Amino acid sequence: MEFQFSKKWYTPAEVAAMLGFGLSKTKLLIAMREIRSVKVGAHRRILPEWVDEYIEHCTHQDSA
């Protein structure tokens, strides 16, 4: 029996790659709280729905 796990959260580098941004820009967006994140130990993690929220916010702003 083989299990496949879906990612529960992403690293800033993974989010940067998904959005087509550089890591520095992504970290800046996190620091500015444009992209929500949580600190786990010494690392930041982003839930998939928080990436979706950021995209929704950007597209909603652009269409207004």
PDB file of N, CA and C in Angstrom:
ATOM      1  N   MET A   1       0.845  -1.179   0.000  1.00  0.00           N
ATOM      2  CA  MET A   1       0.000   0.000   0.000  1.00  0.00           C
ATOM      3  C   MET A   1       0.894   1.247   0.000  1.00  0.00           C
ATOM      4  N   GLU A   2       0.638   2.133  -0.912  1.00  0.00           N
ATOM      5  CA  GLU A   2       1.461   3.339  -1.051  1.00  0.00           C
ATOM      6  C   GLU A   2       0.645   4.564  -0.666  1.00  0.00           C
ATOM      7  N   PHE A   3       1.241   5.383   0.186  1.00  0.00           N
ATOM      8  CA  PHE A   3       0.578   6.607   0.618  1.00  0.00           C
ATOM      9  C   PHE A   3       1.166   7.797  -0.114  1.00  0.00           C
ATOM     10  N   GLN A   4       0.298   8.719  -0.491  1.00  0.00           N
ATOM     11  CA  GLN A   4       0.755   9.980  -1.062  1.00  0.00           C
ATOM     12  C   GLN A   4       0.285  11.088  -0.139  1.00  0.00           C
ATOM     13  N   PHE A   5       1.225  11.873   0.271  1.00  0.00           N
ATOM     14  CA  PHE A   5       0.908  12.987   1.155  1.00  0.00           C
ATOM     15  C   PHE A   5       0.882  14.276   0.355  1.00  0.00           C
ATOM     16  N   SER A   6      -0.123  15.089   0.612  1.00  0.00           N
ATOM     17  CA  SER A   6      -0.146  16.411  -0.008  1.00  0.00           C
ATOM     18  C   SER A   6       0.537  17.371   0.960  1.00  0.00           C
ATOM     19  N   LYS A   7       1.164  18.375   0.408  1.00  0.00           N
ATOM     20  CA  LYS A   7       1.853  19.352   1.250  1.00  0.00           C
ATOM     21  C   LYS A   7       0.836  20.125   2.070  1.00  0.00           C
ATOM     22  N   LYS A   8       1.115  20.259   3.331  1.00  0.00           N
ATOM     23  CA  LYS A   8       0.228  21.022   4.219  1.00  0.00           C
ATOM     24  C   LYS A   8       0.633  22.479   4.277  1.00  0.00           C
ATOM     25  N   TRP A   9       1.919  22.756   4.016  1.00  0.00           N
ATOM     26  CA  TRP A   9       2.379  24.136   3.965  1.00  0.00           C
ATOM     27  C   TRP A   9       3.616  24.236   3.113  1.00  0.00           C
ATOM     28  N   TYR A  10       3.958  25.478   2.758  1.00  0.00           N
ATOM     29  CA  TYR A  10       5.070  25.736   1.851  1.00  0.00           C
ATOM     30  C   TYR A  10       6.126  26.593   2.531  1.00  0.00           C
ATOM     31  N   THR A  11       7.337  26.503   2.012  1.00  0.00           N
ATOM     32  CA  THR A  11       8.413  27.382   2.442  1.00  0.00           C
ATOM     33  C   THR A  11       8.318  28.675   1.629  1.00  0.00           C
ATOM     34  N   PRO A  12       8.945  29.744   2.090  1.00  0.00           N
ATOM     35  CA  PRO A  12       8.966  30.967   1.276  1.00  0.00           C
ATOM     36  C   PRO A  12       9.567  30.736  -0.114  1.00  0.00           C
ATOM     37  N   ALA A  13      10.577  29.878  -0.210  1.00  0.00           N
ATOM     38  CA  ALA A  13      11.181  29.597  -1.518  1.00  0.00           C
ATOM     39  C   ALA A  13      10.185  28.903  -2.446  1.00  0.00           C
ATOM     40  N   GLU A  14       9.393  27.992  -1.926  1.00  0.00           N
ATOM     41  CA  GLU A  14       8.385  27.316  -2.745  1.00  0.00           C
ATOM     42  C   GLU A  14       7.304  28.293  -3.198  1.00  0.00           C
ATOM     43  N   VAL A  15       6.893  29.186  -2.304  1.00  0.00           N
ATOM     44  CA  VAL A  15       5.884  30.192  -2.665  1.00  0.00           C
ATOM     45  C   VAL A  15       6.443  31.131  -3.729  1.00  0.00           C
ATOM     46  N   ALA A  16       7.702  31.527  -3.573  1.00  0.00           N
ATOM     47  CA  ALA A  16       8.334  32.393  -4.570  1.00  0.00           C
ATOM     48  C   ALA A  16       8.304  31.728  -5.941  1.00  0.00           C
ATOM     49  N   ALA A  17       8.649  30.452  -6.001  1.00  0.00           N
ATOM     50  CA  ALA A  17       8.647  29.729  -7.280  1.00  0.00           C
ATOM     51  C   ALA A  17       7.231  29.618  -7.844  1.00  0.00           C
ATOM     52  N   MET A  18       6.249  29.372  -6.989  1.00  0.00           N
ATOM     53  CA  MET A  18       4.864  29.241  -7.447  1.00  0.00           C
ATOM     54  C   MET A  18       4.348  30.552  -8.032  1.00  0.00           C
ATOM     55  N   LEU A  19       4.738  31.667  -7.411  1.00  0.00           N
ATOM     56  CA  LEU A  19       4.246  32.970  -7.847  1.00  0.00           C
ATOM     57  C   LEU A  19       5.108  33.594  -8.935  1.00  0.00           C
ATOM     58  N   GLY A  20       6.266  33.012  -9.182  1.00  0.00           N
ATOM     59  CA  GLY A  20       7.171  33.573 -10.172  1.00  0.00           C
ATOM     60  C   GLY A  20       7.914  34.789  -9.652  1.00  0.00           C
ATOM     61  N   PHE A  21       8.060  34.885  -8.332  1.00  0.00           N
ATOM     62  CA  PHE A  21       8.755  35.997  -7.689  1.00  0.00           C
ATOM     63  C   PHE A  21      10.130  35.524  -7.234  1.00  0.00           C
ATOM     64  N   GLY A  22      10.987  36.488  -6.965  1.00  0.00           N
ATOM     65  CA  GLY A  22      12.254  36.175  -6.328  1.00  0.00           C
ATOM     66  C   GLY A  22      12.034  35.915  -4.845  1.00  0.00           C
ATOM     67  N   LEU A  23      12.986  35.253  -4.217  1.00  0.00           N
ATOM     68  CA  LEU A  23      12.871  34.950  -2.794  1.00  0.00           C
ATOM     69  C   LEU A  23      12.860  36.233  -1.962  1.00  0.00           C
ATOM     70  N   SER A  24      13.667  37.205  -2.342  1.00  0.00           N
ATOM     71  CA  SER A  24      13.704  38.468  -1.587  1.00  0.00           C
ATOM     72  C   SER A  24      12.349  39.172  -1.604  1.00  0.00           C
ATOM     73  N   LYS A  25      11.711  39.217  -2.763  1.00  0.00           N
ATOM     74  CA  LYS A  25      10.389  39.853  -2.862  1.00  0.00           C
ATOM     75  C   LYS A  25       9.372  39.095  -2.021  1.00  0.00           C
ATOM     76  N   THR A  26       9.425  37.781  -2.071  1.00  0.00           N
ATOM     77  CA  THR A  26       8.486  36.968  -1.299  1.00  0.00           C
ATOM     78  C   THR A  26       8.686  37.187   0.197  1.00  0.00           C
ATOM     79  N   LYS A  27       9.932  37.222   0.640  1.00  0.00           N
ATOM     80  CA  LYS A  27      10.204  37.476   2.054  1.00  0.00           C
ATOM     81  C   LYS A  27       9.737  38.866   2.464  1.00  0.00           C
ATOM     82  N   LEU A  28       9.873  39.838   1.570  1.00  0.00           N
ATOM     83  CA  LEU A  28       9.382  41.184   1.843  1.00  0.00           C
ATOM     84  C   LEU A  28       7.865  41.185   1.981  1.00  0.00           C
ATOM     85  N   LEU A  29       7.162  40.497   1.092  1.00  0.00           N
ATOM     86  CA  LEU A  29       5.703  40.400   1.178  1.00  0.00           C
ATOM     87  C   LEU A  29       5.269  39.738   2.475  1.00  0.00           C
ATOM     88  N   ILE A  30       6.027  38.757   2.926  1.00  0.00           N
ATOM     89  CA  ILE A  30       5.737  38.094   4.200  1.00  0.00           C
ATOM     90  C   ILE A  30       5.972  39.069   5.350  1.00  0.00           C
ATOM     91  N   ALA A  31       7.089  39.787   5.317  1.00  0.00           N
ATOM     92  CA  ALA A  31       7.408  40.748   6.375  1.00  0.00           C
ATOM     93  C   ALA A  31       6.373  41.866   6.445  1.00  0.00           C
ATOM     94  N   MET A  32       5.853  42.269   5.284  1.00  0.00           N
ATOM     95  CA  MET A  32       4.839  43.319   5.227  1.00  0.00           C
ATOM     96  C   MET A  32       3.438  42.775   5.502  1.00  0.00           C
ATOM     97  N   ARG A  33       3.354  41.480   5.742  1.00  0.00           N
ATOM     98  CA  ARG A  33       2.095  40.771   6.020  1.00  0.00           C
ATOM     99  C   ARG A  33       1.124  40.795   4.853  1.00  0.00           C
ATOM    100  N   GLU A  34       1.678  40.920   3.650  1.00  0.00           N
ATOM    101  CA  GLU A  34       0.861  40.792   2.438  1.00  0.00           C
ATOM    102  C   GLU A  34       0.533  39.315   2.208  1.00  0.00           C
ATOM    103  N   ILE A  35       1.502  38.470   2.535  1.00  0.00           N
ATOM    104  CA  ILE A  35       1.305  37.021   2.500  1.00  0.00           C
ATOM    105  C   ILE A  35       1.382  36.543   3.945  1.00  0.00           C
ATOM    106  N   ARG A  36       0.328  35.898   4.404  1.00  0.00           N
ATOM    107  CA  ARG A  36       0.306  35.399   5.779  1.00  0.00           C
ATOM    108  C   ARG A  36       1.289  34.251   5.930  1.00  0.00           C
ATOM    109  N   SER A  37       1.851  34.133   7.132  1.00  0.00           N
ATOM    110  CA  SER A  37       2.766  33.039   7.422  1.00  0.00           C
ATOM    111  C   SER A  37       2.751  32.760   8.913  1.00  0.00           C
ATOM    112  N   VAL A  38       3.349  31.645   9.264  1.00  0.00           N
ATOM    113  CA  VAL A  38       3.502  31.270  10.658  1.00  0.00           C
ATOM    114  C   VAL A  38       4.958  30.861  10.849  1.00  0.00           C
ATOM    115  N   LYS A  39       5.491  31.152  12.017  1.00  0.00           N
ATOM    116  CA  LYS A  39       6.867  30.779  12.309  1.00  0.00           C
ATOM    117  C   LYS A  39       6.854  29.445  13.043  1.00  0.00           C
ATOM    118  N   VAL A  40       7.574  28.475  12.507  1.00  0.00           N
ATOM    119  CA  VAL A  40       7.709  27.151  13.111  1.00  0.00           C
ATOM    120  C   VAL A  40       9.188  26.977  13.426  1.00  0.00           C
ATOM    121  N   GLY A  41       9.522  27.099  14.685  1.00  0.00           N
ATOM    122  CA  GLY A  41      10.936  27.095  15.046  1.00  0.00           C
ATOM    123  C   GLY A  41      11.586  28.339  14.475  1.00  0.00           C
ATOM    124  N   ALA A  42      12.616  28.146  13.678  1.00  0.00           N
ATOM    125  CA  ALA A  42      13.321  29.274  13.069  1.00  0.00           C
ATOM    126  C   ALA A  42      12.867  29.545  11.642  1.00  0.00           C
ATOM    127  N   HIS A  43      11.843  28.825  11.177  1.00  0.00           N
ATOM    128  CA  HIS A  43      11.448  28.890   9.774  1.00  0.00           C
ATOM    129  C   HIS A  43      10.029  29.418   9.606  1.00  0.00           C
ATOM    130  N   ARG A  44       9.792  30.096   8.489  1.00  0.00           N
ATOM    131  CA  ARG A  44       8.463  30.570   8.121  1.00  0.00           C
ATOM    132  C   ARG A  44       7.791  29.516   7.251  1.00  0.00           C
ATOM    133  N   ARG A  45       6.511  29.355   7.436  1.00  0.00           N
ATOM    134  CA  ARG A  45       5.723  28.431   6.626  1.00  0.00           C
ATOM    135  C   ARG A  45       4.431  29.114   6.225  1.00  0.00           C
ATOM    136  N   ILE A  46       3.956  28.773   5.018  1.00  0.00           N
ATOM    137  CA  ILE A  46       2.765  29.408   4.457  1.00  0.00           C
ATOM    138  C   ILE A  46       1.776  28.314   4.061  1.00  0.00           C
ATOM    139  N   LEU A  47       0.553  28.434   4.533  1.00  0.00           N
ATOM    140  CA  LEU A  47      -0.492  27.485   4.159  1.00  0.00           C
ATOM    141  C   LEU A  47      -0.924  27.731   2.715  1.00  0.00           C
ATOM    142  N   PRO A  48      -1.316  26.681   1.999  1.00  0.00           N
ATOM    143  CA  PRO A  48      -1.760  26.864   0.611  1.00  0.00           C
ATOM    144  C   PRO A  48      -2.891  27.891   0.464  1.00  0.00           C
ATOM    145  N   GLU A  49      -3.824  27.905   1.410  1.00  0.00           N
ATOM    146  CA  GLU A  49      -4.935  28.862   1.299  1.00  0.00           C
ATOM    147  C   GLU A  49      -4.465  30.295   1.483  1.00  0.00           C
ATOM    148  N   TRP A  50      -3.343  30.503   2.166  1.00  0.00           N
ATOM    149  CA  TRP A  50      -2.820  31.858   2.312  1.00  0.00           C
ATOM    150  C   TRP A  50      -2.215  32.351   1.002  1.00  0.00           C
ATOM    151  N   VAL A  51      -1.647  31.449   0.227  1.00  0.00           N
ATOM    152  CA  VAL A  51      -1.158  31.814  -1.106  1.00  0.00           C
ATOM    153  C   VAL A  51      -2.356  32.201  -1.971  1.00  0.00           C
ATOM    154  N   ASP A  52      -3.421  31.412  -1.888  1.00  0.00           N
ATOM    155  CA  ASP A  52      -4.640  31.713  -2.639  1.00  0.00           C
ATOM    156  C   ASP A  52      -5.230  33.064  -2.225  1.00  0.00           C
ATOM    157  N   GLU A  53      -5.218  33.365  -0.920  1.00  0.00           N
ATOM    158  CA  GLU A  53      -5.720  34.653  -0.436  1.00  0.00           C
ATOM    159  C   GLU A  53      -4.924  35.808  -1.041  1.00  0.00           C
ATOM    160  N   TYR A  54      -3.603  35.653  -1.097  1.00  0.00           N
ATOM    161  CA  TYR A  54      -2.758  36.702  -1.663  1.00  0.00           C
ATOM    162  C   TYR A  54      -3.097  36.910  -3.138  1.00  0.00           C
ATOM    163  N   ILE A  55      -3.236  35.828  -3.882  1.00  0.00           N
ATOM    164  CA  ILE A  55      -3.570  35.921  -5.309  1.00  0.00           C
ATOM    165  C   ILE A  55      -4.940  36.576  -5.490  1.00  0.00           C
ATOM    166  N   GLU A  56      -5.895  36.168  -4.672  1.00  0.00           N
ATOM    167  CA  GLU A  56      -7.238  36.745  -4.744  1.00  0.00           C
ATOM    168  C   GLU A  56      -7.192  38.246  -4.447  1.00  0.00           C
ATOM    169  N   HIS A  57      -6.442  38.603  -3.435  1.00  0.00           N
ATOM    170  CA  HIS A  57      -6.297  40.024  -3.072  1.00  0.00           C
ATOM    171  C   HIS A  57      -5.707  40.821  -4.234  1.00  0.00           C
ATOM    172  N   CYS A  58      -4.658  40.275  -4.850  1.00  0.00           N
ATOM    173  CA  CYS A  58      -4.013  40.974  -5.973  1.00  0.00           C
ATOM    174  C   CYS A  58      -4.945  41.113  -7.167  1.00  0.00           C
ATOM    175  N   THR A  59      -5.662  40.064  -7.487  1.00  0.00           N
ATOM    176  CA  THR A  59      -6.546  40.116  -8.650  1.00  0.00           C
ATOM    177  C   THR A  59      -7.767  40.991  -8.373  1.00  0.00           C
ATOM    178  N   HIS A  60      -8.222  40.995  -7.138  1.00  0.00           N
ATOM    179  CA  HIS A  60      -9.361  41.838  -6.782  1.00  0.00           C
ATOM    180  C   HIS A  60      -8.969  43.305  -6.835  1.00  0.00           C
ATOM    181  N   GLN A  61      -7.771  43.627  -6.333  1.00  0.00           N
ATOM    182  CA  GLN A  61      -7.266  44.997  -6.370  1.00  0.00           C
ATOM    183  C   GLN A  61      -7.104  45.470  -7.807  1.00  0.00           C
ATOM    184  N   ASP A  62      -6.592  44.597  -8.653  1.00  0.00           N
ATOM    185  CA  ASP A  62      -6.316  44.951 -10.051  1.00  0.00           C
ATOM    186  C   ASP A  62      -7.602  45.211 -10.828  1.00  0.00           C
ATOM    187  N   SER A  63      -8.674  44.480 -10.480  1.00  0.00           N
ATOM    188  CA  SER A  63      -9.914  44.629 -11.240  1.00  0.00           C
ATOM    189  C   SER A  63     -10.777  45.785 -10.723  1.00  0.00           C
ATOM    190  N   ALA A  64     -10.410  46.328  -9.571  1.00  0.00           N
ATOM    191  CA  ALA A  64     -11.226  47.424  -8.991  1.00  0.00           C
ATOM    192  C   ALA A  64     -10.923  48.755  -9.631  1.00  0.00           C
TER     193      ALA A  64
END
